[in-house]
Amino acid sequence: MLYGGYDHIIDKKGRIAIPSKLRDLMGNELVIAQSFTGDRCLCVYTKEEWQKVADVLCSSPATSTSDIRRFLCDLTFNAEFDSQGRILIPQQLREFANLENEAHIIGVITNLEIWNKDAWYAEKANTTLDSIASIAKSLGL
């Protein structure tokens, strides 16, 4: 299970170090994609978690999933950790998520999200405790 939030720097080559706590749980074969939730962030999946996303999309008729398949697959890449625990974020994905220097990495149980640091803290500031409590209650938590 992936959780925790971490501020990190993206180097000039587009690499970002993933915290060892998260890295140890993910293995070395990863998939990095643009988010499809409406957020301008990136999602990093293990191969197994990515397969679950693909299975959901493939179990529905292509006529109802073709747009999301195209959107996702257009900017989805394989990634691996280098010897220093970094992954390379392709330029197209950095542009999508407005990632330049500083990023915020969040473990969101099944995958990681990588946000522009300022965008994440603005998003977090707009989320109220009441809205979180309401969602938790509706889920029976």
N, C-alpha and C. Protein backbone atom coordinates (compact mmCIF):
# COMPACT_ATOMS: atom_id res chain seq x y z
N MET A 1 0.84 -1.17 0.00
CA MET A 1 0.00 0.00 0.00
C MET A 1 0.90 1.24 0.00
N LEU A 2 0.59 2.19 -0.88
CA LEU A 2 1.41 3.39 -1.06
C LEU A 2 0.74 4.58 -0.39
N TYR A 3 1.46 5.26 0.47
CA TYR A 3 0.93 6.47 1.09
C TYR A 3 2.06 7.37 1.53
N GLY A 4 1.73 8.62 1.77
CA GLY A 4 2.70 9.62 2.18
C GLY A 4 2.88 10.66 1.08
N GLY A 5 3.27 11.86 1.50
CA GLY A 5 3.52 12.95 0.57
C GLY A 5 4.93 13.47 0.73
N TYR A 6 5.58 13.78 -0.39
CA TYR A 6 6.98 14.16 -0.38
C TYR A 6 7.24 15.24 -1.42
N ASP A 7 7.93 16.29 -1.02
CA ASP A 7 8.38 17.31 -1.97
C ASP A 7 9.73 16.89 -2.53
N HIS A 8 9.87 17.00 -3.86
CA HIS A 8 11.13 16.63 -4.51
C HIS A 8 11.42 17.58 -5.67
N ILE A 9 12.66 17.59 -6.07
CA ILE A 9 13.14 18.41 -7.18
C ILE A 9 13.17 17.57 -8.45
N ILE A 10 12.81 18.19 -9.56
CA ILE A 10 12.98 17.57 -10.88
C ILE A 10 14.24 18.19 -11.49
N ASP A 11 15.19 17.34 -11.88
CA ASP A 11 16.43 17.89 -12.41
C ASP A 11 16.24 18.37 -13.85
N LYS A 12 17.27 18.96 -14.40
CA LYS A 12 17.20 19.54 -15.75
C LYS A 12 16.93 18.51 -16.84
N LYS A 13 17.23 17.24 -16.57
CA LYS A 13 16.97 16.18 -17.53
C LYS A 13 15.56 15.59 -17.38
N GLY A 14 14.80 16.08 -16.40
CA GLY A 14 13.44 15.59 -16.22
C GLY A 14 13.33 14.38 -15.31
N ARG A 15 14.35 14.16 -14.49
CA ARG A 15 14.34 13.01 -13.57
C ARG A 15 13.90 13.46 -12.19
N ILE A 16 13.19 12.58 -11.51
CA ILE A 16 12.76 12.84 -10.15
C ILE A 16 13.04 11.61 -9.30
N ALA A 17 13.58 11.84 -8.12
CA ALA A 17 13.85 10.74 -7.19
C ALA A 17 12.54 10.35 -6.49
N ILE A 18 12.28 9.07 -6.46
CA ILE A 18 11.12 8.55 -5.75
C ILE A 18 11.60 8.10 -4.38
N PRO A 19 10.92 8.52 -3.31
CA PRO A 19 11.36 8.13 -1.97
C PRO A 19 11.50 6.61 -1.84
N SER A 20 12.55 6.19 -1.14
CA SER A 20 12.84 4.75 -1.04
C SER A 20 11.68 3.97 -0.43
N LYS A 21 10.96 4.58 0.49
CA LYS A 21 9.80 3.91 1.10
C LYS A 21 8.79 3.50 0.03
N LEU A 22 8.57 4.35 -0.94
CA LEU A 22 7.63 4.05 -2.02
C LEU A 22 8.27 3.16 -3.07
N ARG A 23 9.51 3.45 -3.38
CA ARG A 23 10.24 2.70 -4.40
C ARG A 23 10.30 1.21 -4.06
N ASP A 24 10.56 0.91 -2.79
CA ASP A 24 10.67 -0.48 -2.36
C ASP A 24 9.38 -1.27 -2.57
N LEU A 25 8.25 -0.59 -2.56
CA LEU A 25 6.95 -1.25 -2.73
C LEU A 25 6.53 -1.39 -4.18
N MET A 26 7.20 -0.69 -5.08
CA MET A 26 6.73 -0.63 -6.46
C MET A 26 7.42 -1.58 -7.43
N GLY A 27 8.58 -2.08 -7.09
CA GLY A 27 9.32 -2.87 -8.07
C GLY A 27 9.97 -1.94 -9.07
N ASN A 28 10.55 -2.48 -10.12
CA ASN A 28 11.30 -1.64 -11.06
C ASN A 28 10.57 -1.37 -12.37
N GLU A 29 9.55 -2.14 -12.72
CA GLU A 29 8.84 -1.91 -13.98
C GLU A 29 7.60 -1.08 -13.71
N LEU A 30 7.62 0.14 -14.22
CA LEU A 30 6.56 1.10 -13.94
C LEU A 30 5.93 1.61 -15.23
N VAL A 31 4.75 2.17 -15.07
CA VAL A 31 4.07 2.87 -16.16
C VAL A 31 3.74 4.26 -15.63
N ILE A 32 4.07 5.28 -16.40
CA ILE A 32 3.77 6.65 -16.02
C ILE A 32 2.83 7.24 -17.07
N ALA A 33 1.75 7.85 -16.59
CA ALA A 33 0.70 8.34 -17.49
C ALA A 33 0.11 9.64 -16.97
N GLN A 34 -0.55 10.34 -17.86
CA GLN A 34 -1.30 11.51 -17.43
C GLN A 34 -2.53 11.04 -16.65
N SER A 35 -2.92 11.82 -15.69
CA SER A 35 -4.11 11.49 -14.90
C SER A 35 -5.35 11.57 -15.79
N PHE A 36 -6.31 10.70 -15.52
CA PHE A 36 -7.57 10.76 -16.25
C PHE A 36 -8.72 11.15 -15.33
N THR A 37 -8.39 11.75 -14.18
CA THR A 37 -9.41 12.15 -13.22
C THR A 37 -9.78 13.62 -13.33
N GLY A 38 -9.18 14.32 -14.29
CA GLY A 38 -9.44 15.75 -14.43
C GLY A 38 -8.39 16.60 -13.75
N ASP A 39 -7.44 15.97 -13.07
CA ASP A 39 -6.36 16.69 -12.40
C ASP A 39 -5.16 16.77 -13.32
N ARG A 40 -4.42 17.86 -13.25
CA ARG A 40 -3.20 18.03 -14.05
C ARG A 40 -2.02 17.46 -13.28
N CYS A 41 -2.07 16.17 -13.06
CA CYS A 41 -0.96 15.48 -12.40
C CYS A 41 -0.65 14.21 -13.18
N LEU A 42 0.42 13.56 -12.79
CA LEU A 42 0.82 12.31 -13.42
C LEU A 42 0.55 11.16 -12.46
N CYS A 43 0.31 9.99 -13.01
CA CYS A 43 0.11 8.79 -12.22
C CYS A 43 1.20 7.80 -12.57
N VAL A 44 1.79 7.21 -11.55
CA VAL A 44 2.81 6.19 -11.74
C VAL A 44 2.26 4.89 -11.17
N TYR A 45 2.21 3.87 -12.02
CA TYR A 45 1.63 2.58 -11.66
C TYR A 45 2.68 1.49 -11.72
N THR A 46 2.51 0.46 -10.91
CA THR A 46 3.25 -0.76 -11.14
C THR A 46 2.64 -1.40 -12.39
N LYS A 47 3.34 -2.33 -12.99
CA LYS A 47 2.79 -3.03 -14.17
C LYS A 47 1.47 -3.70 -13.81
N GLU A 48 1.40 -4.26 -12.60
CA GLU A 48 0.18 -4.97 -12.18
C GLU A 48 -1.00 -4.01 -12.03
N GLU A 49 -0.78 -2.84 -11.44
CA GLU A 49 -1.86 -1.87 -11.28
C GLU A 49 -2.28 -1.30 -12.63
N TRP A 50 -1.32 -1.08 -13.52
CA TRP A 50 -1.66 -0.60 -14.86
C TRP A 50 -2.51 -1.64 -15.59
N GLN A 51 -2.18 -2.91 -15.40
CA GLN A 51 -2.95 -3.98 -16.03
C GLN A 51 -4.40 -3.94 -15.56
N LYS A 52 -4.63 -3.61 -14.30
CA LYS A 52 -6.00 -3.49 -13.78
C LYS A 52 -6.77 -2.37 -14.50
N VAL A 53 -6.09 -1.24 -14.73
CA VAL A 53 -6.72 -0.15 -15.49
C VAL A 53 -7.05 -0.62 -16.89
N ALA A 54 -6.10 -1.27 -17.54
CA ALA A 54 -6.32 -1.78 -18.90
C ALA A 54 -7.44 -2.80 -18.94
N ASP A 55 -7.52 -3.66 -17.93
CA ASP A 55 -8.58 -4.68 -17.88
C ASP A 55 -9.96 -4.03 -17.81
N VAL A 56 -10.09 -2.98 -17.01
CA VAL A 56 -11.37 -2.28 -16.92
C VAL A 56 -11.74 -1.69 -18.27
N LEU A 57 -10.77 -1.05 -18.92
CA LEU A 57 -11.05 -0.44 -20.22
C LEU A 57 -11.37 -1.49 -21.28
N CYS A 58 -10.69 -2.62 -21.23
CA CYS A 58 -10.90 -3.66 -22.24
C CYS A 58 -12.15 -4.48 -21.99
N SER A 59 -12.69 -4.42 -20.79
CA SER A 59 -13.90 -5.20 -20.50
C SER A 59 -15.17 -4.45 -20.91
N SER A 60 -15.01 -3.21 -21.32
CA SER A 60 -16.14 -2.41 -21.80
C SER A 60 -16.05 -2.28 -23.31
N PRO A 61 -17.19 -2.05 -23.97
CA PRO A 61 -17.15 -1.91 -25.43
C PRO A 61 -16.26 -0.74 -25.85
N ALA A 62 -15.50 -0.94 -26.90
CA ALA A 62 -14.60 0.10 -27.41
C ALA A 62 -15.36 1.37 -27.76
N THR A 63 -16.62 1.23 -28.15
CA THR A 63 -17.40 2.42 -28.51
C THR A 63 -17.59 3.34 -27.31
N SER A 64 -17.58 2.79 -26.10
CA SER A 64 -17.77 3.64 -24.92
C SER A 64 -16.44 4.01 -24.25
N THR A 65 -15.34 3.38 -24.64
CA THR A 65 -14.06 3.66 -23.99
C THR A 65 -12.99 4.18 -24.94
N SER A 66 -13.32 4.36 -26.21
CA SER A 66 -12.28 4.74 -27.18
C SER A 66 -11.65 6.09 -26.84
N ASP A 67 -12.43 7.06 -26.38
CA ASP A 67 -11.86 8.37 -26.05
C ASP A 67 -10.86 8.27 -24.91
N ILE A 68 -11.22 7.58 -23.84
CA ILE A 68 -10.30 7.47 -22.71
C ILE A 68 -9.09 6.61 -23.06
N ARG A 69 -9.29 5.58 -23.88
CA ARG A 69 -8.14 4.77 -24.31
C ARG A 69 -7.14 5.63 -25.07
N ARG A 70 -7.63 6.43 -26.01
CA ARG A 70 -6.74 7.29 -26.80
C ARG A 70 -6.04 8.31 -25.91
N PHE A 71 -6.82 8.93 -25.02
CA PHE A 71 -6.28 9.95 -24.13
C PHE A 71 -5.16 9.36 -23.28
N LEU A 72 -5.43 8.23 -22.67
CA LEU A 72 -4.45 7.60 -21.80
C LEU A 72 -3.22 7.11 -22.56
N CYS A 73 -3.44 6.38 -23.61
CA CYS A 73 -2.33 5.74 -24.31
C CYS A 73 -1.45 6.72 -25.06
N ASP A 74 -1.99 7.87 -25.42
CA ASP A 74 -1.20 8.87 -26.13
C ASP A 74 -0.01 9.34 -25.29
N LEU A 75 -0.23 9.51 -24.01
CA LEU A 75 0.83 9.99 -23.12
C LEU A 75 1.06 9.01 -21.98
N THR A 76 1.37 7.77 -22.32
CA THR A 76 1.71 6.74 -21.34
C THR A 76 3.04 6.12 -21.75
N PHE A 77 3.93 5.98 -20.78
CA PHE A 77 5.28 5.52 -21.05
C PHE A 77 5.72 4.51 -20.00
N ASN A 78 6.60 3.61 -20.39
CA ASN A 78 7.24 2.74 -19.42
C ASN A 78 8.33 3.53 -18.72
N ALA A 79 8.59 3.19 -17.48
CA ALA A 79 9.65 3.85 -16.71
C ALA A 79 10.34 2.82 -15.83
N GLU A 80 11.59 3.10 -15.53
CA GLU A 80 12.37 2.26 -14.62
C GLU A 80 13.18 3.16 -13.72
N PHE A 81 13.48 2.67 -12.53
CA PHE A 81 14.36 3.41 -11.63
C PHE A 81 15.80 3.30 -12.11
N ASP A 82 16.51 4.41 -12.04
CA ASP A 82 17.93 4.35 -12.32
C ASP A 82 18.66 3.97 -11.02
N SER A 83 19.97 3.95 -11.05
CA SER A 83 20.75 3.50 -9.89
C SER A 83 20.60 4.43 -8.68
N GLN A 84 20.08 5.64 -8.90
CA GLN A 84 19.89 6.59 -7.81
C GLN A 84 18.42 6.71 -7.39
N GLY A 85 17.58 5.79 -7.87
CA GLY A 85 16.18 5.78 -7.47
C GLY A 85 15.33 6.83 -8.16
N ARG A 86 15.77 7.29 -9.33
CA ARG A 86 15.03 8.30 -10.08
C ARG A 86 14.31 7.66 -11.26
N ILE A 87 13.22 8.31 -11.68
CA ILE A 87 12.59 7.95 -12.94
C ILE A 87 12.63 9.18 -13.84
N LEU A 88 12.67 8.93 -15.13
CA LEU A 88 12.64 9.99 -16.12
C LEU A 88 11.19 10.28 -16.48
N ILE A 89 10.81 11.54 -16.37
CA ILE A 89 9.48 11.96 -16.78
C ILE A 89 9.60 12.55 -18.18
N PRO A 90 9.01 11.91 -19.18
CA PRO A 90 9.12 12.44 -20.54
C PRO A 90 8.61 13.89 -20.65
N GLN A 91 9.20 14.63 -21.57
CA GLN A 91 8.88 16.05 -21.73
C GLN A 91 7.37 16.29 -21.89
N GLN A 92 6.69 15.45 -22.69
CA GLN A 92 5.26 15.65 -22.92
C GLN A 92 4.47 15.56 -21.60
N LEU A 93 4.87 14.67 -20.72
CA LEU A 93 4.19 14.53 -19.44
C LEU A 93 4.54 15.69 -18.51
N ARG A 94 5.78 16.16 -18.56
CA ARG A 94 6.15 17.32 -17.75
C ARG A 94 5.33 18.54 -18.18
N GLU A 95 5.13 18.68 -19.48
CA GLU A 95 4.31 19.80 -19.97
C GLU A 95 2.86 19.65 -19.53
N PHE A 96 2.31 18.44 -19.63
CA PHE A 96 0.92 18.20 -19.23
C PHE A 96 0.68 18.60 -17.78
N ALA A 97 1.60 18.22 -16.89
CA ALA A 97 1.42 18.46 -15.45
C ALA A 97 2.12 19.74 -14.97
N ASN A 98 2.67 20.52 -15.91
CA ASN A 98 3.36 21.76 -15.58
C ASN A 98 4.48 21.51 -14.55
N LEU A 99 5.27 20.50 -14.81
CA LEU A 99 6.38 20.15 -13.91
C LEU A 99 7.66 20.75 -14.43
N GLU A 100 8.26 21.61 -13.62
CA GLU A 100 9.52 22.24 -14.02
C GLU A 100 10.62 21.95 -13.02
N ASN A 101 10.49 22.48 -11.82
CA ASN A 101 11.55 22.33 -10.82
C ASN A 101 11.11 21.53 -9.60
N GLU A 102 10.02 21.93 -9.02
CA GLU A 102 9.57 21.31 -7.78
C GLU A 102 8.29 20.52 -8.00
N ALA A 103 8.24 19.36 -7.37
CA ALA A 103 7.07 18.49 -7.50
C ALA A 103 6.70 17.95 -6.14
N HIS A 104 5.48 17.47 -6.04
CA HIS A 104 5.00 16.80 -4.84
C HIS A 104 4.54 15.41 -5.26
N ILE A 105 5.10 14.39 -4.60
CA ILE A 105 4.78 13.00 -4.88
C ILE A 105 3.87 12.50 -3.77
N ILE A 106 2.76 11.86 -4.16
CA ILE A 106 1.82 11.34 -3.18
C ILE A 106 1.57 9.87 -3.47
N GLY A 107 1.68 9.04 -2.44
CA GLY A 107 1.25 7.65 -2.55
C GLY A 107 -0.25 7.63 -2.29
N VAL A 108 -1.02 7.20 -3.28
CA VAL A 108 -2.49 7.21 -3.15
C VAL A 108 -3.02 5.77 -3.16
N ILE A 109 -2.46 4.95 -2.32
CA ILE A 109 -2.82 3.57 -2.05
C ILE A 109 -2.37 2.62 -3.16
N THR A 110 -2.88 2.78 -4.40
CA THR A 110 -2.55 1.84 -5.47
C THR A 110 -1.51 2.36 -6.44
N ASN A 111 -1.25 3.65 -6.44
CA ASN A 111 -0.30 4.25 -7.37
C ASN A 111 0.24 5.54 -6.77
N LEU A 112 1.15 6.15 -7.49
CA LEU A 112 1.68 7.45 -7.09
C LEU A 112 1.07 8.53 -7.96
N GLU A 113 0.97 9.72 -7.40
CA GLU A 113 0.65 10.91 -8.19
C GLU A 113 1.82 11.86 -8.07
N ILE A 114 2.16 12.51 -9.17
CA ILE A 114 3.21 13.53 -9.17
C ILE A 114 2.56 14.83 -9.63
N TRP A 115 2.59 15.81 -8.75
CA TRP A 115 1.97 17.12 -8.97
C TRP A 115 3.02 18.21 -9.05
N ASN A 116 2.72 19.26 -9.79
CA ASN A 116 3.43 20.51 -9.65
C ASN A 116 3.24 20.91 -8.18
N LYS A 117 4.33 21.24 -7.49
CA LYS A 117 4.25 21.50 -6.06
C LYS A 117 3.24 22.60 -5.73
N ASP A 118 3.29 23.71 -6.43
CA ASP A 118 2.37 24.82 -6.16
C ASP A 118 0.92 24.41 -6.43
N ALA A 119 0.71 23.66 -7.51
CA ALA A 119 -0.65 23.21 -7.85
C ALA A 119 -1.19 22.28 -6.77
N TRP A 120 -0.33 21.40 -6.24
CA TRP A 120 -0.79 20.50 -5.17
C TRP A 120 -1.21 21.27 -3.93
N TYR A 121 -0.37 22.22 -3.50
CA TYR A 121 -0.71 22.95 -2.29
C TYR A 121 -1.93 23.84 -2.48
N ALA A 122 -2.16 24.34 -3.69
CA ALA A 122 -3.39 25.09 -3.97
C ALA A 122 -4.60 24.16 -3.92
N GLU A 123 -4.46 22.96 -4.50
CA GLU A 123 -5.54 21.97 -4.46
C GLU A 123 -5.86 21.59 -3.02
N LYS A 124 -4.83 21.36 -2.25
CA LYS A 124 -5.01 20.97 -0.85
C LYS A 124 -5.68 22.09 -0.06
N ALA A 125 -5.33 23.34 -0.33
CA ALA A 125 -5.93 24.48 0.37
C ALA A 125 -7.41 24.62 0.04
N ASN A 126 -7.81 24.16 -1.14
CA ASN A 126 -9.22 24.26 -1.55
C ASN A 126 -10.07 23.11 -1.03
N THR A 127 -9.44 22.12 -0.42
CA THR A 127 -10.18 20.97 0.11
C THR A 127 -10.44 21.22 1.59
N THR A 128 -11.71 21.16 1.97
CA THR A 128 -12.06 21.43 3.36
C THR A 128 -12.21 20.13 4.14
N LEU A 129 -12.03 20.23 5.44
CA LEU A 129 -12.25 19.07 6.29
C LEU A 129 -13.68 18.59 6.20
N ASP A 130 -14.63 19.51 6.05
CA ASP A 130 -16.03 19.13 5.92
C ASP A 130 -16.28 18.32 4.66
N SER A 131 -15.64 18.71 3.54
CA SER A 131 -15.85 17.96 2.30
C SER A 131 -15.25 16.57 2.41
N ILE A 132 -14.10 16.44 3.07
CA ILE A 132 -13.48 15.13 3.27
C ILE A 132 -14.36 14.28 4.19
N ALA A 133 -14.87 14.87 5.25
CA ALA A 133 -15.73 14.14 6.18
C ALA A 133 -16.99 13.66 5.49
N SER A 134 -17.54 14.47 4.61
CA SER A 134 -18.75 14.09 3.88
C SER A 134 -18.49 12.90 2.97
N ILE A 135 -17.37 12.92 2.27
CA ILE A 135 -17.02 11.82 1.38
C ILE A 135 -16.78 10.55 2.20
N ALA A 136 -16.03 10.68 3.30
CA ALA A 136 -15.75 9.53 4.14
C ALA A 136 -17.04 8.92 4.68
N LYS A 137 -17.95 9.75 5.09
CA LYS A 137 -19.23 9.27 5.62
C LYS A 137 -20.02 8.53 4.54
N SER A 138 -20.03 9.10 3.31
CA SER A 138 -20.78 8.46 2.23
C SER A 138 -20.19 7.10 1.85
N LEU A 139 -18.89 6.91 2.14
CA LEU A 139 -18.23 5.63 1.86
C LEU A 139 -18.32 4.66 3.03
N GLY A 140 -18.88 5.14 4.12
CA GLY A 140 -19.01 4.29 5.30
C GLY A 140 -17.72 4.19 6.11
N LEU A 141 -16.86 5.16 5.99
CA LEU A 141 -15.60 5.16 6.75
C LEU A 141 -15.75 5.88 8.07
